[in-house]
């Protein structure tokens, strides 16, 4: 799994060739999030996208909603040839 569990959240950092590719990925993730009715916390700086998943309605814990969305995001990142980076300590 590209997402890493950090306490009660799932986190992933991906790098793209440029800002446009990163933004296109975020747009695709937004469509996935709407389909899942579950939305990530995220941050974008140039070609990097940091994604955090947790279920706020469940007391900020990782639930099946997070795991299902994470799996779809990972597949999308793979298809778009994103480089998954290690998380900073």
N, C-alpha and C. Protein backbone atom coordinates (compact mmCIF):
# COMPACT_ATOMS: atom_id res chain seq x y z
N UNK A 1 0.85 -1.18 0.00
CA UNK A 1 0.00 0.00 0.00
C UNK A 1 0.89 1.24 0.00
N UNK A 2 0.59 2.18 -0.87
CA UNK A 2 1.35 3.43 -0.94
C UNK A 2 1.01 4.36 0.21
N UNK A 3 -0.23 4.29 0.67
CA UNK A 3 -0.60 5.08 1.84
C UNK A 3 0.06 4.46 3.06
N UNK A 4 0.51 5.30 3.96
CA UNK A 4 1.09 4.82 5.21
C UNK A 4 0.19 5.25 6.36
N UNK A 5 0.02 4.34 7.29
CA UNK A 5 -0.80 4.66 8.45
C UNK A 5 0.05 5.43 9.45
N UNK A 6 -0.48 6.54 9.92
CA UNK A 6 0.19 7.41 10.89
C UNK A 6 -0.84 7.74 11.96
N UNK A 7 -0.80 7.01 13.06
CA UNK A 7 -1.81 7.09 14.11
C UNK A 7 -3.16 6.77 13.49
N UNK A 8 -4.10 7.68 13.49
CA UNK A 8 -5.43 7.39 12.96
C UNK A 8 -5.71 8.08 11.64
N UNK A 9 -4.69 8.18 10.81
CA UNK A 9 -4.85 8.71 9.45
C UNK A 9 -4.03 7.87 8.49
N UNK A 10 -4.41 7.95 7.22
CA UNK A 10 -3.60 7.39 6.13
C UNK A 10 -2.98 8.56 5.39
N UNK A 11 -1.69 8.46 5.07
CA UNK A 11 -0.99 9.54 4.38
C UNK A 11 -0.24 9.01 3.17
N UNK A 12 -0.17 9.86 2.13
CA UNK A 12 0.61 9.54 0.96
C UNK A 12 1.13 10.84 0.34
N UNK A 13 2.36 10.79 -0.14
CA UNK A 13 2.96 11.91 -0.87
C UNK A 13 3.36 11.40 -2.25
N UNK A 14 2.94 12.13 -3.29
CA UNK A 14 3.28 11.74 -4.65
C UNK A 14 3.89 12.93 -5.39
N UNK A 15 4.81 12.60 -6.32
CA UNK A 15 5.47 13.64 -7.12
C UNK A 15 5.20 13.38 -8.59
N UNK A 16 4.95 14.47 -9.30
CA UNK A 16 4.69 14.42 -10.74
C UNK A 16 5.77 15.20 -11.47
N UNK A 17 5.75 15.14 -12.78
CA UNK A 17 6.75 15.86 -13.56
C UNK A 17 6.63 17.37 -13.43
N UNK A 18 5.40 17.84 -13.26
CA UNK A 18 5.18 19.29 -13.21
C UNK A 18 3.86 19.60 -12.50
N UNK A 19 3.59 20.88 -12.35
CA UNK A 19 2.38 21.34 -11.67
C UNK A 19 1.12 20.90 -12.41
N UNK A 20 1.15 20.97 -13.72
CA UNK A 20 -0.03 20.62 -14.50
C UNK A 20 -0.43 19.16 -14.28
N UNK A 21 0.55 18.26 -14.25
CA UNK A 21 0.24 16.85 -14.00
C UNK A 21 -0.28 16.64 -12.58
N UNK A 22 0.31 17.35 -11.62
CA UNK A 22 -0.15 17.25 -10.23
C UNK A 22 -1.59 17.74 -10.11
N UNK A 23 -1.90 18.86 -10.76
CA UNK A 23 -3.24 19.42 -10.69
C UNK A 23 -4.25 18.51 -11.38
N UNK A 24 -3.86 17.90 -12.50
CA UNK A 24 -4.76 16.97 -13.20
C UNK A 24 -5.07 15.77 -12.29
N UNK A 25 -4.05 15.27 -11.58
CA UNK A 25 -4.26 14.18 -10.62
C UNK A 25 -5.25 14.60 -9.54
N UNK A 26 -5.08 15.80 -9.01
CA UNK A 26 -5.99 16.29 -7.97
C UNK A 26 -7.42 16.40 -8.50
N UNK A 27 -7.57 16.82 -9.73
CA UNK A 27 -8.91 16.89 -10.32
C UNK A 27 -9.54 15.50 -10.43
N UNK A 28 -8.72 14.53 -10.82
CA UNK A 28 -9.22 13.15 -10.90
C UNK A 28 -9.56 12.60 -9.52
N UNK A 29 -8.73 12.91 -8.54
CA UNK A 29 -9.02 12.48 -7.16
C UNK A 29 -10.31 13.13 -6.67
N UNK A 30 -10.54 14.38 -7.04
CA UNK A 30 -11.78 15.06 -6.63
C UNK A 30 -13.00 14.31 -7.16
N UNK A 31 -12.92 13.83 -8.39
CA UNK A 31 -14.04 13.05 -8.94
C UNK A 31 -14.22 11.74 -8.17
N UNK A 32 -13.11 11.08 -7.85
CA UNK A 32 -13.19 9.85 -7.04
C UNK A 32 -13.83 10.14 -5.68
N UNK A 33 -13.40 11.23 -5.07
CA UNK A 33 -13.92 11.59 -3.75
C UNK A 33 -15.43 11.82 -3.79
N UNK A 34 -15.89 12.49 -4.83
CA UNK A 34 -17.33 12.69 -4.97
C UNK A 34 -18.05 11.36 -5.13
N UNK A 35 -17.48 10.47 -5.92
CA UNK A 35 -18.08 9.16 -6.13
C UNK A 35 -18.17 8.39 -4.81
N UNK A 36 -17.12 8.49 -3.99
CA UNK A 36 -17.08 7.79 -2.70
C UNK A 36 -17.82 8.56 -1.61
N UNK A 37 -18.18 9.80 -1.88
CA UNK A 37 -18.76 10.69 -0.86
C UNK A 37 -17.86 10.73 0.37
N UNK A 38 -16.56 10.88 0.09
CA UNK A 38 -15.54 10.91 1.14
C UNK A 38 -14.39 11.74 0.61
N UNK A 39 -13.95 12.74 1.34
CA UNK A 39 -13.06 13.74 0.78
C UNK A 39 -11.75 13.85 1.55
N UNK A 40 -10.64 13.95 0.83
CA UNK A 40 -9.33 13.99 1.49
C UNK A 40 -8.99 15.38 2.01
N UNK A 41 -8.08 15.40 2.96
CA UNK A 41 -7.35 16.61 3.29
C UNK A 41 -6.11 16.53 2.43
N UNK A 42 -5.74 17.64 1.80
CA UNK A 42 -4.57 17.58 0.94
C UNK A 42 -3.89 18.91 0.79
N UNK A 43 -2.68 18.83 0.24
CA UNK A 43 -1.84 20.00 0.04
C UNK A 43 -1.07 19.80 -1.26
N UNK A 44 -0.95 20.87 -2.03
CA UNK A 44 -0.21 20.81 -3.28
C UNK A 44 0.81 21.93 -3.31
N UNK A 45 2.07 21.57 -3.59
CA UNK A 45 3.11 22.55 -3.84
C UNK A 45 3.82 22.11 -5.11
N UNK A 46 3.68 22.91 -6.14
CA UNK A 46 4.23 22.65 -7.47
C UNK A 46 3.90 21.23 -7.93
N UNK A 47 4.86 20.31 -7.93
CA UNK A 47 4.61 18.97 -8.46
C UNK A 47 4.37 17.92 -7.38
N UNK A 48 4.21 18.37 -6.13
CA UNK A 48 3.97 17.46 -5.01
C UNK A 48 2.53 17.54 -4.54
N UNK A 49 1.98 16.38 -4.21
CA UNK A 49 0.63 16.33 -3.63
C UNK A 49 0.72 15.45 -2.37
N UNK A 50 0.32 16.02 -1.24
CA UNK A 50 0.22 15.28 0.02
C UNK A 50 -1.26 15.03 0.30
N UNK A 51 -1.59 13.78 0.60
CA UNK A 51 -2.98 13.41 0.84
C UNK A 51 -3.08 12.76 2.22
N UNK A 52 -4.10 13.17 2.97
CA UNK A 52 -4.41 12.57 4.27
C UNK A 52 -5.86 12.12 4.26
N UNK A 53 -6.08 10.90 4.68
CA UNK A 53 -7.44 10.36 4.78
C UNK A 53 -7.73 9.96 6.22
N UNK A 54 -8.89 10.36 6.70
CA UNK A 54 -9.42 9.93 7.98
C UNK A 54 -10.92 10.18 7.93
N UNK A 55 -11.66 9.51 8.77
CA UNK A 55 -13.11 9.70 8.78
C UNK A 55 -13.48 10.54 9.99
N UNK A 56 -13.82 11.79 9.73
CA UNK A 56 -14.14 12.73 10.80
C UNK A 56 -15.39 12.30 11.57
N UNK A 57 -16.38 11.76 10.83
CA UNK A 57 -17.64 11.33 11.48
C UNK A 57 -17.44 10.15 12.43
N UNK A 58 -16.31 9.47 12.30
CA UNK A 58 -16.02 8.32 13.17
C UNK A 58 -14.99 8.68 14.23
N UNK A 59 -14.90 9.96 14.54
CA UNK A 59 -13.96 10.40 15.57
C UNK A 59 -12.53 10.44 15.08
N UNK A 60 -12.35 10.79 13.80
CA UNK A 60 -11.02 10.89 13.20
C UNK A 60 -10.25 9.58 13.28
N UNK A 61 -10.89 8.53 12.82
CA UNK A 61 -10.27 7.20 12.76
C UNK A 61 -10.27 6.72 11.31
N UNK A 62 -9.40 5.78 11.02
CA UNK A 62 -9.37 5.16 9.70
C UNK A 62 -10.50 4.14 9.63
N UNK A 63 -11.33 4.26 8.61
CA UNK A 63 -12.45 3.35 8.41
C UNK A 63 -12.38 2.74 7.02
N UNK A 64 -13.33 1.87 6.71
CA UNK A 64 -13.42 1.27 5.38
C UNK A 64 -13.55 2.35 4.30
N UNK A 65 -14.20 3.45 4.61
CA UNK A 65 -14.30 4.55 3.63
C UNK A 65 -12.91 5.01 3.22
N UNK A 66 -12.03 5.18 4.19
CA UNK A 66 -10.67 5.63 3.89
C UNK A 66 -9.91 4.58 3.08
N UNK A 67 -10.05 3.33 3.47
CA UNK A 67 -9.33 2.27 2.78
C UNK A 67 -9.79 2.10 1.34
N UNK A 68 -11.09 2.23 1.10
CA UNK A 68 -11.60 2.11 -0.27
C UNK A 68 -11.12 3.28 -1.13
N UNK A 69 -11.21 4.50 -0.59
CA UNK A 69 -10.75 5.67 -1.36
C UNK A 69 -9.24 5.59 -1.57
N UNK A 70 -8.50 5.17 -0.57
CA UNK A 70 -7.04 5.05 -0.70
C UNK A 70 -6.69 4.09 -1.83
N UNK A 71 -7.38 2.97 -1.91
CA UNK A 71 -7.09 1.99 -2.97
C UNK A 71 -7.31 2.60 -4.35
N UNK A 72 -8.39 3.34 -4.51
CA UNK A 72 -8.67 3.98 -5.81
C UNK A 72 -7.65 5.07 -6.12
N UNK A 73 -7.25 5.84 -5.12
CA UNK A 73 -6.24 6.88 -5.33
C UNK A 73 -4.91 6.25 -5.72
N UNK A 74 -4.54 5.17 -5.07
CA UNK A 74 -3.29 4.47 -5.40
C UNK A 74 -3.30 3.97 -6.84
N UNK A 75 -4.41 3.41 -7.26
CA UNK A 75 -4.52 2.93 -8.64
C UNK A 75 -4.38 4.10 -9.62
N UNK A 76 -5.03 5.20 -9.32
CA UNK A 76 -4.95 6.39 -10.17
C UNK A 76 -3.51 6.91 -10.23
N UNK A 77 -2.84 6.98 -9.09
CA UNK A 77 -1.46 7.46 -9.05
C UNK A 77 -0.56 6.55 -9.90
N UNK A 78 -0.79 5.26 -9.84
CA UNK A 78 -0.01 4.32 -10.64
C UNK A 78 -0.25 4.53 -12.13
N UNK A 79 -1.50 4.70 -12.51
CA UNK A 79 -1.84 4.91 -13.92
C UNK A 79 -1.24 6.21 -14.44
N UNK A 80 -1.14 7.21 -13.59
CA UNK A 80 -0.61 8.51 -14.01
C UNK A 80 0.90 8.60 -13.78
N UNK A 81 1.51 7.47 -13.45
CA UNK A 81 2.97 7.37 -13.28
C UNK A 81 3.53 8.35 -12.26
N UNK A 82 2.80 8.52 -11.17
CA UNK A 82 3.28 9.35 -10.07
C UNK A 82 4.35 8.59 -9.31
N UNK A 83 5.29 9.31 -8.77
CA UNK A 83 6.31 8.72 -7.92
C UNK A 83 5.87 8.88 -6.47
N UNK A 84 5.71 7.77 -5.78
CA UNK A 84 5.34 7.82 -4.37
C UNK A 84 6.61 8.08 -3.56
N UNK A 85 6.56 9.09 -2.73
CA UNK A 85 7.73 9.48 -1.94
C UNK A 85 7.56 9.06 -0.48
N UNK A 86 8.66 8.83 0.21
CA UNK A 86 8.55 8.55 1.65
C UNK A 86 8.08 9.80 2.37
N UNK A 87 7.34 9.58 3.44
CA UNK A 87 6.88 10.69 4.25
C UNK A 87 8.01 11.21 5.11
N UNK A 88 7.99 12.50 5.35
CA UNK A 88 9.01 13.09 6.21
C UNK A 88 8.75 12.70 7.65
N UNK A 89 9.79 12.53 8.38
CA UNK A 89 9.66 12.15 9.79
C UNK A 89 9.21 13.33 10.61
